[in-house]
Amino acid sequence: FSGTAHGAHGAIPLPAPATLEILK
């Protein structure tokens, strides 16, 4: 999916970077 979300470090792109890393 696409867009942005708000995390502990501010706005982040979706999918969350950690999500993409996990799904490699």
mmCIF file of all heavy atoms, coordinates in Angstrom:
data_MODEL
# 
_entry.id   MODEL 
# 
loop_
_atom_site.group_PDB 
_atom_site.id 
_atom_site.type_symbol 
_atom_site.label_atom_id 
_atom_site.label_alt_id 
_atom_site.label_comp_id 
_atom_site.label_asym_id 
_atom_site.label_entity_id 
_atom_site.label_seq_id 
_atom_site.pdbx_PDB_ins_code 
_atom_site.Cartn_x 
_atom_site.Cartn_y 
_atom_site.Cartn_z 
_atom_site.occupancy 
_atom_site.B_iso_or_equiv 
_atom_site.pdbx_formal_charge 
_atom_site.auth_seq_id 
_atom_site.auth_comp_id 
_atom_site.auth_asym_id 
_atom_site.auth_atom_id 
_atom_site.pdbx_PDB_model_num 
ATOM 1   N N   . PHE A 1 1  ? 0.862  -1.176  0.000  1.00 0.00 ? 1  PHE A N   1 
ATOM 2   C CA  . PHE A 1 1  ? 0.000  0.000   0.000  1.00 0.00 ? 1  PHE A CA  1 
ATOM 3   C C   . PHE A 1 1  ? 0.895  1.220   0.000  1.00 0.00 ? 1  PHE A C   1 
ATOM 4   O O   . PHE A 1 1  ? 2.133  1.105   0.037  1.00 0.00 ? 1  PHE A O   1 
ATOM 5   C CB  . PHE A 1 1  ? -0.905 -0.021  1.241  1.00 0.00 ? 1  PHE A CB  1 
ATOM 6   C CG  . PHE A 1 1  ? -0.201 -0.587  2.453  1.00 0.00 ? 1  PHE A CG  1 
ATOM 7   C CD1 . PHE A 1 1  ? 0.509  0.224   3.314  1.00 0.00 ? 1  PHE A CD1 1 
ATOM 8   C CD2 . PHE A 1 1  ? -0.203 -1.957  2.683  1.00 0.00 ? 1  PHE A CD2 1 
ATOM 9   C CE1 . PHE A 1 1  ? 1.191  -0.296  4.404  1.00 0.00 ? 1  PHE A CE1 1 
ATOM 10  C CE2 . PHE A 1 1  ? 0.487  -2.491  3.781  1.00 0.00 ? 1  PHE A CE2 1 
ATOM 11  C CZ  . PHE A 1 1  ? 1.179  -1.654  4.644  1.00 0.00 ? 1  PHE A CZ  1 
ATOM 12  N N   . SER A 1 2  ? 0.312  2.398   -0.037 1.00 0.00 ? 2  SER A N   1 
ATOM 13  C CA  . SER A 1 2  ? 1.108  3.628   -0.091 1.00 0.00 ? 2  SER A CA  1 
ATOM 14  C C   . SER A 1 2  ? 0.513  4.661   0.834  1.00 0.00 ? 2  SER A C   1 
ATOM 15  O O   . SER A 1 2  ? -0.579 4.480   1.376  1.00 0.00 ? 2  SER A O   1 
ATOM 16  C CB  . SER A 1 2  ? 1.173  4.159   -1.531 1.00 0.00 ? 2  SER A CB  1 
ATOM 17  O OG  . SER A 1 2  ? -0.125 4.445   -2.006 1.00 0.00 ? 2  SER A OG  1 
ATOM 18  N N   . GLY A 1 3  ? 1.238  5.769   1.001  1.00 0.00 ? 3  GLY A N   1 
ATOM 19  C CA  . GLY A 1 3  ? 0.775  6.829   1.884  1.00 0.00 ? 3  GLY A CA  1 
ATOM 20  C C   . GLY A 1 3  ? 1.798  7.089   2.973  1.00 0.00 ? 3  GLY A C   1 
ATOM 21  O O   . GLY A 1 3  ? 2.962  6.708   2.868  1.00 0.00 ? 3  GLY A O   1 
ATOM 22  N N   . THR A 1 4  ? 1.360  7.720   4.045  1.00 0.00 ? 4  THR A N   1 
ATOM 23  C CA  . THR A 1 4  ? 2.223  7.995   5.187  1.00 0.00 ? 4  THR A CA  1 
ATOM 24  C C   . THR A 1 4  ? 1.482  7.685   6.477  1.00 0.00 ? 4  THR A C   1 
ATOM 25  O O   . THR A 1 4  ? 0.254  7.621   6.513  1.00 0.00 ? 4  THR A O   1 
ATOM 26  C CB  . THR A 1 4  ? 2.675  9.477   5.220  1.00 0.00 ? 4  THR A CB  1 
ATOM 27  O OG1 . THR A 1 4  ? 1.503  10.311  5.276  1.00 0.00 ? 4  THR A OG1 1 
ATOM 28  C CG2 . THR A 1 4  ? 3.511  9.819   3.991  1.00 0.00 ? 4  THR A CG2 1 
ATOM 29  N N   . ALA A 1 5  ? 2.264  7.468   7.514  1.00 0.00 ? 5  ALA A N   1 
ATOM 30  C CA  . ALA A 1 5  ? 1.706  7.244   8.850  1.00 0.00 ? 5  ALA A CA  1 
ATOM 31  C C   . ALA A 1 5  ? 2.582  7.994   9.839  1.00 0.00 ? 5  ALA A C   1 
ATOM 32  O O   . ALA A 1 5  ? 3.720  8.369   9.539  1.00 0.00 ? 5  ALA A O   1 
ATOM 33  C CB  . ALA A 1 5  ? 1.659  5.759   9.176  1.00 0.00 ? 5  ALA A CB  1 
ATOM 34  N N   . HIS A 1 6  ? 2.067  8.190   11.032 1.00 0.00 ? 6  HIS A N   1 
ATOM 35  C CA  . HIS A 1 6  ? 2.822  8.898   12.070 1.00 0.00 ? 6  HIS A CA  1 
ATOM 36  C C   . HIS A 1 6  ? 3.381  7.890   13.051 1.00 0.00 ? 6  HIS A C   1 
ATOM 37  O O   . HIS A 1 6  ? 2.640  7.084   13.627 1.00 0.00 ? 6  HIS A O   1 
ATOM 38  C CB  . HIS A 1 6  ? 1.935  9.903   12.800 1.00 0.00 ? 6  HIS A CB  1 
ATOM 39  C CG  . HIS A 1 6  ? 2.711  10.779  13.747 1.00 0.00 ? 6  HIS A CG  1 
ATOM 40  N ND1 . HIS A 1 6  ? 3.467  11.855  13.338 1.00 0.00 ? 6  HIS A ND1 1 
ATOM 41  C CD2 . HIS A 1 6  ? 2.861  10.708  15.096 1.00 0.00 ? 6  HIS A CD2 1 
ATOM 42  C CE1 . HIS A 1 6  ? 4.038  12.427  14.379 1.00 0.00 ? 6  HIS A CE1 1 
ATOM 43  N NE2 . HIS A 1 6  ? 3.684  11.756  15.465 1.00 0.00 ? 6  HIS A NE2 1 
ATOM 44  N N   . GLY A 1 7  ? 4.698  7.888   13.236 1.00 0.00 ? 7  GLY A N   1 
ATOM 45  C CA  . GLY A 1 7  ? 5.356  7.011   14.190 1.00 0.00 ? 7  GLY A CA  1 
ATOM 46  C C   . GLY A 1 7  ? 6.090  7.790   15.252 1.00 0.00 ? 7  GLY A C   1 
ATOM 47  O O   . GLY A 1 7  ? 5.974  9.023   15.344 1.00 0.00 ? 7  GLY A O   1 
ATOM 48  N N   . ALA A 1 8  ? 6.869  7.072   16.049 1.00 0.00 ? 8  ALA A N   1 
ATOM 49  C CA  . ALA A 1 8  ? 7.592  7.712   17.148 1.00 0.00 ? 8  ALA A CA  1 
ATOM 50  C C   . ALA A 1 8  ? 8.612  8.720   16.644 1.00 0.00 ? 8  ALA A C   1 
ATOM 51  O O   . ALA A 1 8  ? 8.978  9.656   17.359 1.00 0.00 ? 8  ALA A O   1 
ATOM 52  C CB  . ALA A 1 8  ? 8.281  6.645   18.001 1.00 0.00 ? 8  ALA A CB  1 
ATOM 53  N N   . HIS A 1 9  ? 9.095  8.553   15.400 1.00 0.00 ? 9  HIS A N   1 
ATOM 54  C CA  . HIS A 1 9  ? 10.097 9.462   14.844 1.00 0.00 ? 9  HIS A CA  1 
ATOM 55  C C   . HIS A 1 9  ? 9.496  10.473  13.865 1.00 0.00 ? 9  HIS A C   1 
ATOM 56  O O   . HIS A 1 9  ? 10.224 11.130  13.137 1.00 0.00 ? 9  HIS A O   1 
ATOM 57  C CB  . HIS A 1 9  ? 11.192 8.660   14.141 1.00 0.00 ? 9  HIS A CB  1 
ATOM 58  C CG  . HIS A 1 9  ? 11.907 7.704   15.052 1.00 0.00 ? 9  HIS A CG  1 
ATOM 59  N ND1 . HIS A 1 9  ? 12.844 8.118   15.966 1.00 0.00 ? 9  HIS A ND1 1 
ATOM 60  C CD2 . HIS A 1 9  ? 11.795 6.353   15.203 1.00 0.00 ? 9  HIS A CD2 1 
ATOM 61  C CE1 . HIS A 1 9  ? 13.298 7.059   16.641 1.00 0.00 ? 9  HIS A CE1 1 
ATOM 62  N NE2 . HIS A 1 9  ? 12.678 5.988   16.197 1.00 0.00 ? 9  HIS A NE2 1 
ATOM 63  N N   . GLY A 1 10 ? 8.157  10.557  13.834 1.00 0.00 ? 10 GLY A N   1 
ATOM 64  C CA  . GLY A 1 10 ? 7.506  11.475  12.917 1.00 0.00 ? 10 GLY A CA  1 
ATOM 65  C C   . GLY A 1 10 ? 6.832  10.744  11.773 1.00 0.00 ? 10 GLY A C   1 
ATOM 66  O O   . GLY A 1 10 ? 6.555  9.540   11.857 1.00 0.00 ? 10 GLY A O   1 
ATOM 67  N N   . ALA A 1 11 ? 6.573  11.461  10.680 1.00 0.00 ? 11 ALA A N   1 
ATOM 68  C CA  . ALA A 1 11 ? 5.899  10.861  9.531  1.00 0.00 ? 11 ALA A CA  1 
ATOM 69  C C   . ALA A 1 11 ? 6.824  9.870   8.843  1.00 0.00 ? 11 ALA A C   1 
ATOM 70  O O   . ALA A 1 11 ? 8.016  10.126  8.661  1.00 0.00 ? 11 ALA A O   1 
ATOM 71  C CB  . ALA A 1 11 ? 5.467  11.945  8.551  1.00 0.00 ? 11 ALA A CB  1 
ATOM 72  N N   . ILE A 1 12 ? 6.283  8.710   8.481  1.00 0.00 ? 12 ILE A N   1 
ATOM 73  C CA  . ILE A 1 12 ? 7.056  7.683   7.772  1.00 0.00 ? 12 ILE A CA  1 
ATOM 74  C C   . ILE A 1 12 ? 6.246  7.215   6.568  1.00 0.00 ? 12 ILE A C   1 
ATOM 75  O O   . ILE A 1 12 ? 5.010  7.281   6.562  1.00 0.00 ? 12 ILE A O   1 
ATOM 76  C CB  . ILE A 1 12 ? 7.368  6.478   8.681  1.00 0.00 ? 12 ILE A CB  1 
ATOM 77  C CG1 . ILE A 1 12 ? 6.071  5.854   9.212  1.00 0.00 ? 12 ILE A CG1 1 
ATOM 78  C CG2 . ILE A 1 12 ? 8.279  6.876   9.815  1.00 0.00 ? 12 ILE A CG2 1 
ATOM 79  C CD1 . ILE A 1 12 ? 6.285  4.555   9.972  1.00 0.00 ? 12 ILE A CD1 1 
ATOM 80  N N   . PRO A 1 13 ? 6.930  6.757   5.513  1.00 0.00 ? 13 PRO A N   1 
ATOM 81  C CA  . PRO A 1 13 ? 6.202  6.254   4.343  1.00 0.00 ? 13 PRO A CA  1 
ATOM 82  C C   . PRO A 1 13 ? 5.615  4.882   4.619  1.00 0.00 ? 13 PRO A C   1 
ATOM 83  O O   . PRO A 1 13 ? 6.120  4.118   5.445  1.00 0.00 ? 13 PRO A O   1 
ATOM 84  C CB  . PRO A 1 13 ? 7.294  6.179   3.269  1.00 0.00 ? 13 PRO A CB  1 
ATOM 85  C CG  . PRO A 1 13 ? 8.545  5.932   4.043  1.00 0.00 ? 13 PRO A CG  1 
ATOM 86  C CD  . PRO A 1 13 ? 8.389  6.704   5.338  1.00 0.00 ? 13 PRO A CD  1 
ATOM 87  N N   . LEU A 1 14 ? 4.537  4.585   3.916  1.00 0.00 ? 14 LEU A N   1 
ATOM 88  C CA  . LEU A 1 14 ? 3.942  3.256   3.972  1.00 0.00 ? 14 LEU A CA  1 
ATOM 89  C C   . LEU A 1 14 ? 4.253  2.505   2.687  1.00 0.00 ? 14 LEU A C   1 
ATOM 90  O O   . LEU A 1 14 ? 4.248  3.111   1.610  1.00 0.00 ? 14 LEU A O   1 
ATOM 91  C CB  . LEU A 1 14 ? 2.427  3.358   4.168  1.00 0.00 ? 14 LEU A CB  1 
ATOM 92  C CG  . LEU A 1 14 ? 1.954  3.930   5.509  1.00 0.00 ? 14 LEU A CG  1 
ATOM 93  C CD1 . LEU A 1 14 ? 0.436  4.026   5.531  1.00 0.00 ? 14 LEU A CD1 1 
ATOM 94  C CD2 . LEU A 1 14 ? 2.449  3.090   6.676  1.00 0.00 ? 14 LEU A CD2 1 
ATOM 95  N N   . PRO A 1 15 ? 4.495  1.200   2.784  1.00 0.00 ? 15 PRO A N   1 
ATOM 96  C CA  . PRO A 1 15 ? 4.628  0.413   4.007  1.00 0.00 ? 15 PRO A CA  1 
ATOM 97  C C   . PRO A 1 15 ? 5.754  0.942   4.900  1.00 0.00 ? 15 PRO A C   1 
ATOM 98  O O   . PRO A 1 15 ? 6.709  1.525   4.405  1.00 0.00 ? 15 PRO A O   1 
ATOM 99  C CB  . PRO A 1 15 ? 4.958  -0.993  3.503  1.00 0.00 ? 15 PRO A CB  1 
ATOM 100 C CG  . PRO A 1 15 ? 4.538  -1.016  2.081  1.00 0.00 ? 15 PRO A CG  1 
ATOM 101 C CD  . PRO A 1 15 ? 4.725  0.374   1.587  1.00 0.00 ? 15 PRO A CD  1 
ATOM 102 N N   . ALA A 1 16 ? 5.612  0.714   6.194  1.00 0.00 ? 16 ALA A N   1 
ATOM 103 C CA  . ALA A 1 16 ? 6.659  1.150   7.112  1.00 0.00 ? 16 ALA A CA  1 
ATOM 104 C C   . ALA A 1 16 ? 7.984  0.519   6.702  1.00 0.00 ? 16 ALA A C   1 
ATOM 105 O O   . ALA A 1 16 ? 8.020  -0.630  6.255  1.00 0.00 ? 16 ALA A O   1 
ATOM 106 C CB  . ALA A 1 16 ? 6.297  0.738   8.539  1.00 0.00 ? 16 ALA A CB  1 
ATOM 107 N N   . PRO A 1 17 ? 9.091  1.260   6.828  1.00 0.00 ? 17 PRO A N   1 
ATOM 108 C CA  . PRO A 1 17 ? 10.387 0.697   6.432  1.00 0.00 ? 17 PRO A CA  1 
ATOM 109 C C   . PRO A 1 17 ? 10.683 -0.654  7.067  1.00 0.00 ? 17 PRO A C   1 
ATOM 110 O O   . PRO A 1 17 ? 11.239 -1.540  6.411  1.00 0.00 ? 17 PRO A O   1 
ATOM 111 C CB  . PRO A 1 17 ? 11.374 1.773   6.878  1.00 0.00 ? 17 PRO A CB  1 
ATOM 112 C CG  . PRO A 1 17 ? 10.600 3.052   6.791  1.00 0.00 ? 17 PRO A CG  1 
ATOM 113 C CD  . PRO A 1 17 ? 9.203  2.686   7.217  1.00 0.00 ? 17 PRO A CD  1 
ATOM 114 N N   . ALA A 1 18 ? 10.319 -0.821  8.337  1.00 0.00 ? 18 ALA A N   1 
ATOM 115 C CA  . ALA A 1 18 ? 10.567 -2.114  8.988  1.00 0.00 ? 18 ALA A CA  1 
ATOM 116 C C   . ALA A 1 18 ? 9.750  -3.222  8.342  1.00 0.00 ? 18 ALA A C   1 
ATOM 117 O O   . ALA A 1 18 ? 10.216 -4.363  8.213  1.00 0.00 ? 18 ALA A O   1 
ATOM 118 C CB  . ALA A 1 18 ? 10.257 -2.022  10.482 1.00 0.00 ? 18 ALA A CB  1 
ATOM 119 N N   . THR A 1 19 ? 8.526  -2.906  7.929  1.00 0.00 ? 19 THR A N   1 
ATOM 120 C CA  . THR A 1 19 ? 7.686  -3.906  7.265  1.00 0.00 ? 19 THR A CA  1 
ATOM 121 C C   . THR A 1 19 ? 8.340  -4.389  5.980  1.00 0.00 ? 19 THR A C   1 
ATOM 122 O O   . THR A 1 19 ? 8.385  -5.591  5.690  1.00 0.00 ? 19 THR A O   1 
ATOM 123 C CB  . THR A 1 19 ? 6.297  -3.319  6.967  1.00 0.00 ? 19 THR A CB  1 
ATOM 124 O OG1 . THR A 1 19 ? 5.673  -2.920  8.192  1.00 0.00 ? 19 THR A OG1 1 
ATOM 125 C CG2 . THR A 1 19 ? 5.407  -4.343  6.277  1.00 0.00 ? 19 THR A CG2 1 
ATOM 126 N N   . LEU A 1 20 ? 8.852  -3.460  5.181  1.00 0.00 ? 20 LEU A N   1 
ATOM 127 C CA  . LEU A 1 20 ? 9.510  -3.845  3.933  1.00 0.00 ? 20 LEU A CA  1 
ATOM 128 C C   . LEU A 1 20 ? 10.747 -4.692  4.193  1.00 0.00 ? 20 LEU A C   1 
ATOM 129 O O   . LEU A 1 20 ? 11.023 -5.654  3.472  1.00 0.00 ? 20 LEU A O   1 
ATOM 130 C CB  . LEU A 1 20 ? 9.881  -2.603  3.129  1.00 0.00 ? 20 LEU A CB  1 
ATOM 131 C CG  . LEU A 1 20 ? 8.765  -1.954  2.309  1.00 0.00 ? 20 LEU A CG  1 
ATOM 132 C CD1 . LEU A 1 20 ? 9.316  -0.754  1.547  1.00 0.00 ? 20 LEU A CD1 1 
ATOM 133 C CD2 . LEU A 1 20 ? 8.145  -2.950  1.343  1.00 0.00 ? 20 LEU A CD2 1 
ATOM 134 N N   . GLU A 1 21 ? 11.524 -4.339  5.220  1.00 0.00 ? 21 GLU A N   1 
ATOM 135 C CA  . GLU A 1 21 ? 12.704 -5.122  5.552  1.00 0.00 ? 21 GLU A CA  1 
ATOM 136 C C   . GLU A 1 21 ? 12.326 -6.561  5.900  1.00 0.00 ? 21 GLU A C   1 
ATOM 137 O O   . GLU A 1 21 ? 12.964 -7.526  5.470  1.00 0.00 ? 21 GLU A O   1 
ATOM 138 C CB  . GLU A 1 21 ? 13.466 -4.498  6.721  1.00 0.00 ? 21 GLU A CB  1 
ATOM 139 C CG  . GLU A 1 21 ? 14.320 -3.315  6.368  1.00 0.00 ? 21 GLU A CG  1 
ATOM 140 C CD  . GLU A 1 21 ? 15.506 -3.687  5.485  1.00 0.00 ? 21 GLU A CD  1 
ATOM 141 O OE1 . GLU A 1 21 ? 16.037 -4.802  5.649  1.00 0.00 ? 21 GLU A OE1 1 
ATOM 142 O OE2 . GLU A 1 21 ? 15.885 -2.872  4.638  1.00 0.00 ? 21 GLU A OE2 1 
ATOM 143 N N   . ILE A 1 22 ? 11.289 -6.704  6.690  1.00 0.00 ? 22 ILE A N   1 
ATOM 144 C CA  . ILE A 1 22 ? 10.846 -8.033  7.108  1.00 0.00 ? 22 ILE A CA  1 
ATOM 145 C C   . ILE A 1 22 ? 10.391 -8.857  5.912  1.00 0.00 ? 22 ILE A C   1 
ATOM 146 O O   . ILE A 1 22 ? 10.624 -10.072 5.845  1.00 0.00 ? 22 ILE A O   1 
ATOM 147 C CB  . ILE A 1 22 ? 9.708  -7.910  8.142  1.00 0.00 ? 22 ILE A CB  1 
ATOM 148 C CG1 . ILE A 1 22 ? 10.247 -7.328  9.452  1.00 0.00 ? 22 ILE A CG1 1 
ATOM 149 C CG2 . ILE A 1 22 ? 9.051  -9.267  8.402  1.00 0.00 ? 22 ILE A CG2 1 
ATOM 150 C CD1 . ILE A 1 22 ? 9.170  -6.875  10.407 1.00 0.00 ? 22 ILE A CD1 1 
ATOM 151 N N   . LEU A 1 23 ? 9.767  -8.205  4.926  1.00 0.00 ? 23 LEU A N   1 
ATOM 152 C CA  . LEU A 1 23 ? 9.192  -8.926  3.793  1.00 0.00 ? 23 LEU A CA  1 
ATOM 153 C C   . LEU A 1 23 ? 10.167 -9.139  2.640  1.00 0.00 ? 23 LEU A C   1 
ATOM 154 O O   . LEU A 1 23 ? 9.760  -9.632  1.581  1.00 0.00 ? 23 LEU A O   1 
ATOM 155 C CB  . LEU A 1 23 ? 7.951  -8.179  3.286  1.00 0.00 ? 23 LEU A CB  1 
ATOM 156 C CG  . LEU A 1 23 ? 6.766  -8.142  4.252  1.00 0.00 ? 23 LEU A CG  1 
ATOM 157 C CD1 . LEU A 1 23 ? 5.611  -7.353  3.664  1.00 0.00 ? 23 LEU A CD1 1 
ATOM 158 C CD2 . LEU A 1 23 ? 6.316  -9.568  4.597  1.00 0.00 ? 23 LEU A CD2 1 
ATOM 159 N N   . LYS A 1 24 ? 11.440 -8.785  2.819  1.00 0.00 ? 24 LYS A N   1 
ATOM 160 C CA  . LYS A 1 24 ? 12.409 -9.055  1.760  1.00 0.00 ? 24 LYS A CA  1 
ATOM 161 C C   . LYS A 1 24 ? 12.440 -10.549 1.458  1.00 0.00 ? 24 LYS A C   1 
ATOM 162 O O   . LYS A 1 24 ? 12.544 -11.369 2.361  1.00 0.00 ? 24 LYS A O   1 
ATOM 163 C CB  . LYS A 1 24 ? 13.801 -8.563  2.167  1.00 0.00 ? 24 LYS A CB  1 
ATOM 164 C CG  . LYS A 1 24 ? 13.971 -7.060  2.071  1.00 0.00 ? 24 LYS A CG  1 
ATOM 165 C CD  . LYS A 1 24 ? 15.433 -6.636  2.070  1.00 0.00 ? 24 LYS A CD  1 
ATOM 166 C CE  . LYS A 1 24 ? 16.180 -7.073  3.280  1.00 0.00 ? 24 LYS A CE  1 
ATOM 167 N NZ  . LYS A 1 24 ? 17.536 -6.464  3.393  1.00 0.00 ? 24 LYS A NZ  1 
# 
